[in-house]
Amino acid sequence: MSESVQGVSPSSAGTQTDGDSDALGSEFGKMLLKSGLMFFQGLQSDVTDAISDNTSDPDEPF
């Protein structure tokens, strides 16, 4: 039942470069930055709408 795996040794994992990991990390960072900016843009839009809605009647409660 067991199959042999050839060409893989414990020392070969340590000699490989982390190019793929760096690329994925970079893309993940870009995704986080973009989602954070979209969040703050939406928040700013909501605050702007709330301010403009409440400036028409300053005595009206929030």
N, C-alpha and C. Protein backbone atom coordinates (compact mmCIF):
# COMPACT_ATOMS: atom_id res chain seq x y z
N MET A 1 0.81 -1.20 0.00
CA MET A 1 0.00 0.00 0.00
C MET A 1 0.85 1.27 0.00
N SER A 2 1.99 1.26 0.64
CA SER A 2 2.79 2.47 0.71
C SER A 2 3.57 2.68 -0.59
N GLU A 3 3.62 3.92 -1.04
CA GLU A 3 4.36 4.27 -2.25
C GLU A 3 5.58 5.08 -1.84
N SER A 4 6.66 4.85 -2.52
CA SER A 4 7.87 5.60 -2.18
C SER A 4 7.88 6.94 -2.91
N VAL A 5 8.38 7.93 -2.22
CA VAL A 5 8.51 9.27 -2.80
C VAL A 5 9.98 9.50 -3.04
N GLN A 6 10.32 9.83 -4.27
CA GLN A 6 11.72 10.00 -4.61
C GLN A 6 12.02 11.47 -4.87
N GLY A 7 13.24 11.86 -4.63
CA GLY A 7 13.67 13.22 -4.91
C GLY A 7 13.36 14.22 -3.82
N VAL A 8 12.86 13.76 -2.69
CA VAL A 8 12.54 14.68 -1.60
C VAL A 8 13.33 14.23 -0.38
N SER A 9 14.03 15.16 0.20
CA SER A 9 14.78 14.85 1.42
C SER A 9 14.54 15.97 2.42
N PRO A 10 14.75 15.71 3.69
CA PRO A 10 14.53 16.77 4.68
C PRO A 10 15.40 17.99 4.45
N SER A 11 16.56 17.83 3.88
CA SER A 11 17.43 18.98 3.67
C SER A 11 17.04 19.80 2.45
N SER A 12 16.28 19.24 1.51
CA SER A 12 15.94 19.99 0.30
C SER A 12 14.93 21.10 0.58
N ALA A 13 14.13 20.94 1.62
CA ALA A 13 13.15 21.99 1.92
C ALA A 13 13.83 23.27 2.39
N GLY A 14 14.93 23.15 3.08
CA GLY A 14 15.62 24.32 3.59
C GLY A 14 16.41 25.06 2.54
N THR A 15 16.69 24.44 1.41
CA THR A 15 17.49 25.09 0.39
C THR A 15 16.66 25.80 -0.66
N GLN A 16 15.35 25.62 -0.65
CA GLN A 16 14.50 26.25 -1.66
C GLN A 16 14.26 27.71 -1.28
N THR A 17 14.08 28.53 -2.31
CA THR A 17 13.85 29.95 -2.06
C THR A 17 12.40 30.20 -1.65
N ASP A 18 12.18 31.33 -1.05
CA ASP A 18 10.84 31.70 -0.60
C ASP A 18 10.18 32.67 -1.56
N GLY A 19 10.49 32.53 -2.84
CA GLY A 19 9.92 33.45 -3.83
C GLY A 19 8.42 33.38 -3.89
N ASP A 20 7.88 32.18 -3.85
CA ASP A 20 6.42 32.05 -3.90
C ASP A 20 5.78 32.62 -2.64
N SER A 21 6.40 32.35 -1.51
CA SER A 21 5.86 32.88 -0.24
C SER A 21 5.92 34.41 -0.23
N ASP A 22 7.01 34.97 -0.73
CA ASP A 22 7.12 36.43 -0.79
C ASP A 22 6.06 37.03 -1.71
N ALA A 23 5.83 36.37 -2.84
CA ALA A 23 4.83 36.88 -3.79
C ALA A 23 3.44 36.81 -3.18
N LEU A 24 3.13 35.70 -2.52
CA LEU A 24 1.81 35.57 -1.89
C LEU A 24 1.66 36.57 -0.75
N GLY A 25 2.72 36.77 0.02
CA GLY A 25 2.67 37.74 1.10
C GLY A 25 2.47 39.15 0.59
N SER A 26 3.10 39.47 -0.52
CA SER A 26 2.95 40.78 -1.12
C SER A 26 1.51 41.00 -1.60
N GLU A 27 0.96 39.99 -2.25
CA GLU A 27 -0.42 40.10 -2.73
C GLU A 27 -1.40 40.21 -1.56
N PHE A 28 -1.13 39.46 -0.49
CA PHE A 28 -1.98 39.52 0.70
C PHE A 28 -1.92 40.91 1.32
N GLY A 29 -0.73 41.49 1.38
CA GLY A 29 -0.58 42.84 1.91
C GLY A 29 -1.32 43.86 1.08
N LYS A 30 -1.24 43.72 -0.24
CA LYS A 30 -1.97 44.64 -1.13
C LYS A 30 -3.47 44.51 -0.92
N MET A 31 -3.94 43.26 -0.74
CA MET A 31 -5.37 43.03 -0.53
C MET A 31 -5.83 43.67 0.78
N LEU A 32 -5.02 43.52 1.84
CA LEU A 32 -5.37 44.14 3.12
C LEU A 32 -5.41 45.66 3.02
N LEU A 33 -4.43 46.23 2.35
CA LEU A 33 -4.38 47.68 2.20
C LEU A 33 -5.59 48.18 1.42
N LYS A 34 -5.91 47.49 0.33
CA LYS A 34 -7.06 47.90 -0.49
C LYS A 34 -8.37 47.79 0.29
N SER A 35 -8.54 46.69 1.02
CA SER A 35 -9.78 46.54 1.78
C SER A 35 -9.86 47.56 2.90
N GLY A 36 -8.73 47.89 3.52
CA GLY A 36 -8.73 48.93 4.55
C GLY A 36 -9.08 50.29 4.00
N LEU A 37 -8.54 50.61 2.83
CA LEU A 37 -8.87 51.89 2.21
C LEU A 37 -10.34 51.95 1.80
N MET A 38 -10.87 50.83 1.30
CA MET A 38 -12.29 50.80 0.94
C MET A 38 -13.17 50.97 2.18
N PHE A 39 -12.75 50.35 3.30
CA PHE A 39 -13.50 50.49 4.54
C PHE A 39 -13.54 51.95 4.99
N PHE A 40 -12.37 52.61 5.00
CA PHE A 40 -12.33 53.99 5.44
C PHE A 40 -13.06 54.92 4.47
N GLN A 41 -13.05 54.60 3.18
CA GLN A 41 -13.78 55.42 2.22
C GLN A 41 -15.28 55.30 2.48
N GLY A 42 -15.75 54.09 2.76
CA GLY A 42 -17.16 53.90 3.08
C GLY A 42 -17.55 54.59 4.37
N LEU A 43 -16.66 54.52 5.36
CA LEU A 43 -16.91 55.17 6.64
C LEU A 43 -16.97 56.68 6.46
N GLN A 44 -16.06 57.23 5.68
CA GLN A 44 -16.05 58.66 5.43
C GLN A 44 -17.32 59.08 4.70
N SER A 45 -17.77 58.25 3.77
CA SER A 45 -18.99 58.56 3.05
C SER A 45 -20.19 58.55 3.98
N ASP A 46 -20.24 57.58 4.90
CA ASP A 46 -21.34 57.52 5.86
C ASP A 46 -21.34 58.73 6.79
N VAL A 47 -20.17 59.14 7.24
CA VAL A 47 -20.07 60.30 8.12
C VAL A 47 -20.49 61.57 7.38
N THR A 48 -20.05 61.69 6.14
CA THR A 48 -20.43 62.87 5.35
C THR A 48 -21.94 62.92 5.15
N ASP A 49 -22.54 61.77 4.87
CA ASP A 49 -24.00 61.73 4.71
C ASP A 49 -24.71 62.09 6.01
N ALA A 50 -24.20 61.59 7.12
CA ALA A 50 -24.83 61.89 8.41
C ALA A 50 -24.72 63.37 8.74
N ILE A 51 -23.59 63.99 8.44
CA ILE A 51 -23.42 65.42 8.71
C ILE A 51 -24.34 66.24 7.82
N SER A 52 -24.43 65.90 6.55
CA SER A 52 -25.26 66.68 5.65
C SER A 52 -26.74 66.48 5.96
N ASP A 53 -27.11 65.31 6.47
CA ASP A 53 -28.51 65.09 6.85
C ASP A 53 -28.88 65.90 8.08
N ASN A 54 -27.94 66.09 8.98
CA ASN A 54 -28.25 66.76 10.24
C ASN A 54 -28.03 68.27 10.18
N THR A 55 -27.43 68.76 9.14
CA THR A 55 -27.21 70.21 9.07
C THR A 55 -28.47 70.96 8.64
N SER A 56 -29.44 70.25 8.06
CA SER A 56 -30.65 70.94 7.63
C SER A 56 -31.48 71.41 8.81
N ASP A 57 -31.49 70.62 9.89
CA ASP A 57 -32.24 71.02 11.10
C ASP A 57 -31.35 70.75 12.31
N PRO A 58 -30.64 71.74 12.80
CA PRO A 58 -29.71 71.50 13.90
C PRO A 58 -30.37 71.08 15.20
N ASP A 59 -31.67 71.36 15.36
CA ASP A 59 -32.37 70.98 16.59
C ASP A 59 -32.85 69.54 16.57
N GLU A 60 -32.83 68.92 15.41
CA GLU A 60 -33.28 67.54 15.30
C GLU A 60 -32.25 66.61 15.93
N PRO A 61 -32.67 65.68 16.80
CA PRO A 61 -31.70 64.78 17.42
C PRO A 61 -31.15 63.77 16.43
N PHE A 62 -30.02 63.22 16.75
CA PHE A 62 -29.41 62.23 15.86
C PHE A 62 -30.29 61.05 15.80
